Protein backbone atom coordinates (compact mmCIF):
# COMPACT_ATOMS: atom_id res chain seq x y z
CA MET A 1 -40.61 -32.87 -15.75
CA ASN A 2 -41.10 -29.22 -16.33
CA VAL A 3 -38.46 -27.73 -18.62
CA ARG A 4 -38.03 -23.73 -18.47
CA PRO A 5 -38.32 -22.14 -22.27
CA THR A 6 -35.69 -21.26 -23.84
CA LEU A 7 -35.69 -17.05 -23.69
CA PRO A 8 -32.34 -15.31 -25.63
CA PRO A 9 -30.18 -14.08 -24.26
CA ILE A 10 -29.86 -10.55 -22.36
CA PRO A 11 -27.22 -8.41 -23.00
CA PHE A 12 -25.02 -6.88 -19.67
CA ILE A 13 -25.12 -4.06 -21.31
CA ASP A 14 -27.88 -2.22 -24.07
CA VAL A 15 -26.52 0.37 -25.57
CA ALA A 16 -28.51 -0.07 -28.80
CA ALA A 17 -31.44 0.56 -26.66
CA GLN A 18 -30.81 4.20 -25.62
CA ARG A 19 -29.23 4.12 -29.35
CA ARG A 20 -33.14 3.77 -30.41
CA ARG A 21 -34.47 6.17 -27.77
CA LEU A 22 -32.19 8.76 -28.62
CA GLY A 23 -32.94 8.24 -32.62
CA ARG A 24 -32.85 11.01 -34.89
CA ALA A 25 -31.38 13.34 -32.38
CA VAL A 26 -27.85 11.91 -32.67
CA ASP A 27 -28.53 11.27 -36.46
CA ASP A 28 -28.66 15.23 -37.01
CA ALA A 29 -25.89 15.90 -34.05
CA ILE A 30 -23.98 14.10 -36.54
CA SER A 31 -25.09 15.09 -39.95
CA ARG A 32 -24.25 19.06 -38.09
CA VAL A 33 -20.08 17.45 -37.81
CA LEU A 34 -20.20 16.40 -41.43
CA ASN A 35 -21.88 19.35 -42.89
CA HIS A 36 -19.55 21.89 -41.25
CA CYS A 37 -16.04 19.54 -41.35
CA GLY A 38 -14.33 21.00 -38.27
CA PHE A 39 -13.86 17.28 -37.14
CA ILE A 40 -10.91 18.36 -34.90
CA MET A 41 -11.48 20.98 -32.13
CA GLY A 42 -14.57 22.07 -33.91
CA PRO A 43 -18.00 23.54 -32.23
CA GLU A 44 -19.46 20.77 -30.44
CA VAL A 45 -16.18 20.64 -28.26
CA ARG A 46 -16.35 23.88 -27.05
CA ALA A 47 -19.98 23.28 -26.47
CA PHE A 48 -20.16 20.29 -25.14
CA GLU A 49 -17.30 21.57 -22.31
CA SER A 50 -19.58 24.16 -21.10
CA GLU A 51 -22.59 21.90 -20.93
CA LEU A 52 -20.33 19.10 -18.83
CA ALA A 53 -19.47 22.38 -16.75
CA ALA A 54 -23.06 23.58 -16.50
CA PHE A 55 -23.90 20.03 -14.87
CA CYS A 56 -21.52 18.79 -12.80
CA GLY A 57 -20.43 22.43 -11.13
CA ALA A 58 -16.86 22.58 -12.20
CA LYS A 59 -15.75 26.61 -13.34
CA HIS A 60 -13.11 24.60 -16.37
CA VAL A 61 -13.45 21.13 -18.53
CA VAL A 62 -11.22 20.00 -21.02
CA THR A 63 -12.20 17.67 -22.67
CA CYS A 64 -9.35 14.63 -24.08
CA ALA A 65 -9.37 11.20 -26.73
CA SER A 66 -9.68 8.91 -23.50
CA GLY A 67 -9.79 8.62 -19.69
CA THR A 68 -6.50 7.54 -19.62
CA ASP A 69 -5.74 10.25 -20.55
CA ALA A 70 -7.69 11.87 -18.94
CA LEU A 71 -5.60 11.31 -15.83
CA VAL A 72 -2.67 11.51 -17.73
CA LEU A 73 -2.52 15.34 -18.67
CA ALA A 74 -4.05 16.21 -15.26
CA LEU A 75 -0.99 14.36 -13.64
CA ARG A 76 0.88 16.18 -15.86
CA GLY A 77 -0.51 19.66 -15.54
CA MET A 78 0.17 19.25 -11.47
CA GLY A 79 3.89 18.12 -11.93
CA ILE A 80 3.52 14.90 -10.73
CA GLY A 81 6.56 12.79 -11.86
CA PRO A 82 9.50 10.62 -11.00
CA GLY A 83 10.62 10.11 -7.02
CA ASP A 84 6.71 11.38 -6.29
CA ALA A 85 4.12 8.56 -4.74
CA VAL A 86 0.63 8.25 -5.91
CA ILE A 87 -1.96 6.45 -3.39
CA CYS A 88 -4.14 4.68 -5.19
CA PRO A 89 -6.74 1.91 -4.56
CA SER A 90 -6.13 -1.71 -5.93
CA PHE A 91 -9.50 -2.51 -6.34
CA THR A 92 -9.43 -1.07 -9.42
CA PHE A 93 -9.42 -1.14 -13.05
CA CYS A 94 -5.02 -1.10 -13.85
CA ALA A 95 -5.87 2.80 -15.43
CA THR A 96 -5.93 4.68 -12.17
CA ALA A 97 -1.93 3.35 -10.92
CA GLU A 98 -1.20 2.91 -15.26
CA VAL A 99 -1.59 7.58 -14.91
CA ALA A 100 1.02 7.04 -12.08
CA ALA A 101 3.68 5.11 -14.36
CA LEU A 102 3.32 6.68 -16.96
CA VAL A 103 4.28 10.09 -16.07
CA GLY A 104 6.88 8.63 -14.01
CA ALA A 105 5.48 8.77 -10.65
CA THR A 106 5.63 5.40 -8.01
CA PRO A 107 1.60 3.97 -7.58
CA VAL A 108 1.73 3.00 -4.27
CA PHE A 109 -1.44 0.78 -3.70
CA VAL A 110 -3.73 0.62 -0.44
CA ASP A 111 -6.64 -0.52 0.83
CA VAL A 112 -11.07 -0.50 -0.43
CA GLU A 113 -13.73 -1.41 1.82
CA ALA A 114 -15.48 -3.95 2.01
CA ALA A 115 -18.76 -2.64 1.98
CA THR A 116 -18.39 0.50 -0.44
CA PHE A 117 -15.35 -1.43 -2.84
CA ASN A 118 -14.41 2.54 -2.35
CA ILE A 119 -10.10 3.52 -1.41
CA ASP A 120 -10.34 2.87 2.37
CA VAL A 121 -8.90 6.28 3.59
CA ASN A 122 -7.53 4.69 7.50
CA GLY A 123 -4.72 3.32 4.60
CA ILE A 124 -3.98 5.88 3.51
CA PRO A 125 -1.09 7.33 6.24
CA GLY A 126 0.00 3.40 5.95
CA ALA A 127 0.39 4.19 2.06
CA ILE A 128 2.47 7.52 2.89
CA ALA A 129 4.83 5.91 4.93
CA ALA A 130 5.46 3.17 2.81
CA ALA A 131 6.16 5.41 0.49
CA LYS A 132 9.05 7.28 2.01
CA ALA A 133 10.32 4.39 2.71
CA ALA A 134 11.28 3.34 -0.63
CA GLY A 135 12.71 6.99 -0.90
CA LEU A 136 9.29 8.65 -2.76
CA THR A 137 7.83 11.83 -1.99
CA PRO A 138 3.98 11.43 -1.60
CA LYS A 139 2.82 13.87 -3.74
CA ALA A 140 -0.87 12.73 -4.84
CA ILE A 141 -4.14 10.35 -3.75
CA ILE A 142 -5.60 8.53 -6.82
CA PRO A 143 -9.28 7.68 -5.21
CA VAL A 144 -11.68 6.07 -7.93
CA ASP A 145 -15.60 6.27 -7.45
CA LEU A 146 -15.20 2.47 -8.31
CA PHE A 147 -19.23 0.99 -9.28
CA GLY A 148 -20.50 4.37 -9.54
CA LEU A 149 -20.90 5.47 -5.97
CA ALA A 150 -19.16 8.18 -4.70
CA ALA A 151 -15.52 7.94 -3.30
CA ASP A 152 -15.66 9.11 0.56
CA HIS A 153 -14.72 12.58 -0.22
CA ALA A 154 -14.73 14.85 2.83
CA LYS A 155 -12.58 12.28 4.51
CA ILE A 156 -10.52 12.43 2.17
CA GLY A 157 -10.10 15.16 1.88
CA THR A 158 -9.61 15.77 4.55
CA ILE A 159 -6.42 13.24 5.48
CA ALA A 160 -5.30 14.93 2.56
CA LYS A 161 -4.58 19.04 3.38
CA ALA A 162 -3.12 17.17 6.04
CA GLU A 163 -0.90 15.15 4.49
CA GLY A 164 -0.14 18.49 1.73
CA LEU A 165 -1.01 15.79 -1.04
CA LEU A 166 -3.08 16.83 -4.50
CA ILE A 167 -6.34 14.67 -5.34
CA LEU A 168 -7.47 13.33 -8.47
CA ASP A 169 -10.61 11.89 -8.59
CA ASP A 170 -11.43 9.09 -11.05
CA ALA A 171 -14.35 9.50 -11.53
CA ALA A 172 -14.06 6.98 -14.67
CA GLN A 173 -17.50 5.08 -12.99
CA GLY A 174 -18.93 7.72 -10.87
CA PHE A 175 -19.57 10.60 -13.42
CA GLY A 176 -22.46 11.52 -11.95
CA ALA A 177 -22.74 9.87 -9.22
CA SER A 178 -24.05 12.51 -5.98
CA TYR A 179 -21.71 12.83 -2.81
CA ASN A 180 -23.56 14.73 -0.05
CA ASN A 181 -25.72 15.79 -2.30
CA ARG A 182 -23.05 17.67 -4.77
CA ARG A 183 -22.46 15.60 -8.01
CA LEU A 184 -19.27 15.01 -8.96
CA GLY A 185 -16.25 16.94 -10.36
CA THR A 186 -16.04 19.76 -8.15
CA PHE A 187 -14.36 17.64 -5.72
CA GLY A 188 -10.39 17.53 -4.79
CA HIS A 189 -7.97 19.85 -7.42
CA ALA A 190 -9.49 17.22 -10.69
CA THR A 191 -12.09 14.83 -11.52
CA ALA A 192 -11.47 12.87 -14.61
CA THR A 193 -13.94 10.71 -16.25
CA SER A 194 -14.14 8.57 -19.65
CA PHE A 195 -16.92 7.74 -22.28
CA PHE A 196 -15.75 5.00 -23.49
CA PRO A 197 -19.14 3.35 -24.46
CA ALA A 198 -19.99 1.36 -21.75
CA LYS A 199 -19.97 4.37 -19.37
CA PRO A 200 -23.12 5.69 -18.02
CA LEU A 201 -22.41 8.67 -20.12
CA GLY A 202 -20.84 6.89 -22.65
CA CYS A 203 -19.24 8.17 -26.67
CA TYR A 204 -18.92 5.40 -29.67
CA GLY A 205 -15.88 5.84 -29.34
CA ASP A 206 -12.96 6.83 -27.05
CA GLY A 207 -13.84 9.93 -25.14
CA GLY A 208 -12.72 11.27 -22.11
CA ALA A 209 -12.60 14.75 -19.74
CA VAL A 210 -10.60 16.37 -16.45
CA MET A 211 -13.13 18.86 -14.63
CA THR A 212 -11.43 21.36 -11.75
CA ASP A 213 -11.74 25.08 -10.78
CA ASP A 214 -8.24 25.56 -10.83
CA ASP A 215 -7.23 27.71 -13.60
CA ALA A 216 -3.62 27.70 -14.33
CA LEU A 217 -4.83 22.93 -14.31
CA ALA A 218 -6.81 23.70 -16.84
CA ASP A 219 -4.18 26.40 -18.95
CA ALA A 220 -1.79 24.21 -17.97
CA MET A 221 -4.20 20.59 -19.94
CA ARG A 222 -5.31 22.77 -22.95
CA SER A 223 -1.75 23.69 -23.54
CA LEU A 224 -0.74 20.02 -23.13
CA ARG A 225 -3.84 17.98 -25.00
CA VAL A 226 -2.12 19.78 -28.40
CA HIS A 227 1.50 19.02 -28.09
CA GLY A 228 2.26 20.99 -24.76
CA GLN A 229 0.91 24.00 -27.75
CA GLY A 230 2.10 27.62 -26.27
CA SER A 231 0.66 30.43 -28.77
CA ASP A 232 0.19 28.58 -31.58
CA LYS A 233 0.57 24.87 -32.39
CA TYR A 234 4.15 25.72 -33.95
CA ASP A 235 4.98 27.33 -30.06
CA ASN A 236 5.87 24.14 -28.41
CA VAL A 237 6.02 25.19 -25.35
CA ARG A 238 5.66 21.28 -22.87
CA ILE A 239 6.66 18.25 -23.95
CA GLY A 240 2.55 17.06 -24.53
CA LEU A 241 0.20 14.91 -26.27
CA ALA A 242 -2.34 14.37 -29.09
CA SER A 243 -4.72 14.18 -26.49
CA ARG A 244 -8.47 15.69 -28.30
CA LEU A 245 -12.27 14.95 -28.21
CA ASP A 246 -13.50 14.84 -31.68
CA THR A 247 -15.54 16.47 -32.57
CA ILE A 248 -18.38 13.83 -33.16
CA GLN A 249 -17.99 12.15 -30.49
CA ALA A 250 -18.93 15.84 -28.30
CA ALA A 251 -22.02 15.83 -30.51
CA VAL A 252 -23.11 12.57 -29.77
CA LEU A 253 -22.47 13.21 -25.94
CA SER A 254 -24.24 16.39 -25.98
CA GLU A 255 -27.65 14.56 -26.94
CA LYS A 256 -26.42 12.13 -24.30
CA LEU A 257 -26.65 14.66 -21.55
CA LYS A 258 -29.78 15.53 -22.15
CA ILE A 259 -31.18 12.42 -21.43
CA PHE A 260 -28.91 11.97 -18.76
CA PRO A 261 -30.38 12.88 -15.67
CA ASP A 262 -33.58 10.94 -16.29
CA GLU A 263 -31.19 7.69 -16.84
CA ILE A 264 -29.90 8.38 -13.14
CA GLU A 265 -32.72 7.54 -11.77
CA ALA A 266 -33.73 4.54 -14.18
CA ARG A 267 -30.69 3.14 -12.83
CA ASN A 268 -31.45 3.41 -9.36
CA VAL A 269 -34.87 2.40 -9.86
CA VAL A 270 -32.97 -0.69 -11.19
CA ALA A 271 -30.19 -1.00 -8.22
CA ARG A 272 -33.88 -0.80 -5.36
CA ARG A 273 -36.25 -3.95 -7.32
CA TYR A 274 -32.11 -5.94 -7.55
CA ALA A 275 -32.24 -5.01 -3.59
CA GLU A 276 -35.26 -6.03 -3.03
CA GLY A 277 -35.28 -9.03 -4.88
CA LEU A 278 -32.28 -10.06 -3.85
CA GLY A 279 -31.53 -8.71 -0.89
CA ASP A 280 -32.54 -11.51 1.47
CA VAL A 281 -29.98 -14.43 0.00
CA VAL A 282 -26.94 -12.27 -1.59
CA THR A 283 -24.51 -9.62 -0.83
CA VAL A 284 -26.08 -6.94 -2.42
CA PRO A 285 -24.72 -2.69 -2.55
CA SER A 286 -25.44 -0.56 -0.65
CA VAL A 287 -25.34 3.27 -0.78
CA PRO A 288 -24.80 5.88 2.03
CA ALA A 289 -27.08 8.27 3.06
CA GLY A 290 -26.29 11.33 1.25
CA ASN A 291 -25.71 10.38 -2.05
CA VAL A 292 -26.87 8.47 -5.56
CA SER A 293 -25.21 5.72 -7.19
CA VAL A 294 -25.06 6.03 -11.41
CA TRP A 295 -24.70 2.18 -11.09
CA ALA A 296 -21.29 1.67 -13.39
CA GLN A 297 -22.38 -1.92 -12.34
CA TYR A 298 -24.56 -3.50 -10.04
CA THR A 299 -21.97 -5.67 -8.07
CA LEU A 300 -22.95 -8.43 -6.05
CA ARG A 301 -20.33 -10.93 -3.36
CA LEU A 302 -20.76 -14.09 -2.84
CA PRO A 303 -19.21 -16.64 -0.77
CA ALA A 304 -15.48 -18.12 -2.03
CA GLY A 305 -15.49 -20.62 -4.64
CA LYS A 306 -19.25 -20.75 -4.68
CA ARG A 307 -18.59 -17.81 -8.03
CA ASP A 308 -17.84 -19.86 -10.98
CA ALA A 309 -20.52 -22.48 -10.62
CA PHE A 310 -23.22 -19.35 -9.97
CA ALA A 311 -21.89 -17.40 -13.06
CA ALA A 312 -22.27 -20.80 -15.46
CA ALA A 313 -25.73 -21.37 -13.85
CA LEU A 314 -26.68 -17.77 -15.02
CA LYS A 315 -24.98 -18.38 -18.43
CA ALA A 316 -27.07 -21.36 -18.72
CA ASP A 317 -29.77 -19.05 -18.19
CA GLY A 318 -29.28 -16.70 -20.93
CA ILE A 319 -28.04 -14.50 -18.62
CA PRO A 320 -24.40 -12.38 -18.58
CA THR A 321 -22.26 -11.51 -15.55
CA ALA A 322 -18.62 -9.83 -15.21
CA ILE A 323 -15.89 -9.64 -12.79
CA TYR A 324 -14.24 -6.41 -12.31
CA TYR A 325 -11.89 -7.78 -10.63
CA PRO A 326 -10.31 -11.00 -10.50
CA ILE A 327 -7.24 -9.34 -10.14
CA PRO A 328 -5.83 -6.91 -7.41
CA LEU A 329 -3.07 -3.97 -8.91
CA HIS A 330 -0.57 -5.73 -6.47
CA LYS A 331 -0.80 -9.01 -7.80
CA GLN A 332 -0.92 -8.16 -11.65
CA GLN A 333 2.46 -8.41 -12.56
CA ALA A 334 3.23 -5.04 -14.43
CA TYR A 335 2.97 -3.56 -10.69
CA LYS A 336 3.86 -5.93 -8.67
CA SER A 337 6.91 -4.63 -7.31
CA PHE A 338 5.24 -1.31 -6.73
CA PRO A 339 4.80 -1.02 -3.12
CA VAL A 340 1.69 -1.00 -1.42
CA GLY A 341 1.07 0.18 2.82
CA THR A 342 1.65 -0.51 6.40
CA ARG A 343 -2.42 -2.18 6.98
CA GLY A 344 -2.30 -4.26 3.44
CA VAL A 345 -4.48 -5.09 0.89
CA ALA A 346 -6.56 -8.09 2.22
CA VAL A 347 -9.59 -6.66 1.37
CA SER A 348 -9.25 -6.07 -2.53
CA GLU A 349 -7.88 -9.86 -2.40
CA ARG A 350 -11.02 -11.01 -1.27
CA LEU A 351 -13.15 -8.78 -2.83
CA ALA A 352 -11.93 -10.12 -5.85
CA ALA A 353 -12.50 -13.66 -5.51
CA GLU A 354 -15.91 -12.84 -4.51
CA VAL A 355 -17.44 -10.29 -6.45
CA ILE A 356 -19.36 -10.27 -9.72
CA SER A 357 -21.80 -8.16 -11.40
CA LEU A 358 -25.34 -8.87 -13.16
CA PRO A 359 -26.55 -6.81 -16.16
CA MET A 360 -27.17 -3.31 -15.13
CA HIS A 361 -28.32 -0.03 -17.58
CA ALA A 362 -31.23 2.30 -17.46
CA TYR A 363 -33.50 0.34 -19.97
CA LEU A 364 -33.36 -3.08 -18.01
CA ASP A 365 -37.39 -3.49 -18.13
CA GLU A 366 -39.01 -5.13 -15.00
CA PRO A 367 -39.84 -8.22 -16.54
CA THR A 368 -36.14 -8.87 -17.79
CA GLN A 369 -34.86 -7.93 -14.29
CA GLY A 370 -37.11 -10.21 -12.61
CA ARG A 371 -36.09 -13.00 -15.32
CA ILE A 372 -32.80 -11.66 -14.08
CA ILE A 373 -33.48 -11.90 -9.97
CA ASP A 374 -34.98 -15.93 -10.33
CA ALA A 375 -32.24 -16.93 -12.04
CA VAL A 376 -30.33 -15.70 -9.36
CA ARG A 377 -32.46 -17.12 -6.52
CA ARG A 378 -32.39 -20.41 -8.18
CA ALA A 379 -28.78 -20.33 -8.56
CA LEU A 380 -27.63 -19.75 -4.79
CA ALA A 381 -30.28 -22.38 -4.04
CA VAL A 382 -27.81 -24.76 -5.41
């Protein structure tokens, strides 16, 4: 009997490998903050905002304490509140809908496309109809660039313009990706992202940012992130919150942004190897022409009922997997009372039962990835 040797477990996301690459650059950046002691809104925050704006082409970048706060700041700055409907996909992380409820508005769920996992534009009219039937005023839509792939922003923009909807792009997983050869950050009225450590561009704690070309919106969000301040912190012109990006995190992000383009390319090399090694045995993700994914996750679709055994087989081989997301939002306890578009959310329900993600990061070398591919093929052959 042939017994495979026991190999060390593979990390799902290897943050340590990136840390080794950055080396003293991050240590020195943090030391500069420790030396000048400007821990809140220090010069590194303004520098990082300028660097991020140059990277994505946005006129304004407003950093904040988290990706969730980024969405809240944008909705508050847009004036979204009670009586308003905010359309969002059901197949996403809860923060996308959570923020609508936090500002007093009502999330209305729409389905996603099976091929891209992103919002199904054809379902938006049905979501608008459901919102109106519930006595709500459709005000905004939050498309999500799920798993690192940009949503279909051209089609979303067309329908939003026709229906008078504001667009807040949730690029928490997609920042760094490109749509029609243009980086995310300038589609719609605002783009929000997260710097949670597991994100493609992540810091060493929590952090977020909003990008916009709207001067008035940027000014409102800068006020809102510091308790709604006006001319100074004791002149409060809005009800705001405390949501500043720590200076140390900004310093870390500036160093990470320098290598981000290279990491995006590396992630795409990894994705191509997965597609070549697995495309003949399982449904692998695809990227529409003209787009570049940042591959926040590499997500397969398995036949219904096969996922648990597949995950167990990979775990036995030291290979972790993750399920994003096992329960669509419209079925979760906190969100099941909110409206659903008239076309339903059948695809979201099907994907929730089928998807499973493999290890994905910019430092996944070919031998390690080969081990993953071999294990996946073995598990699927059972």
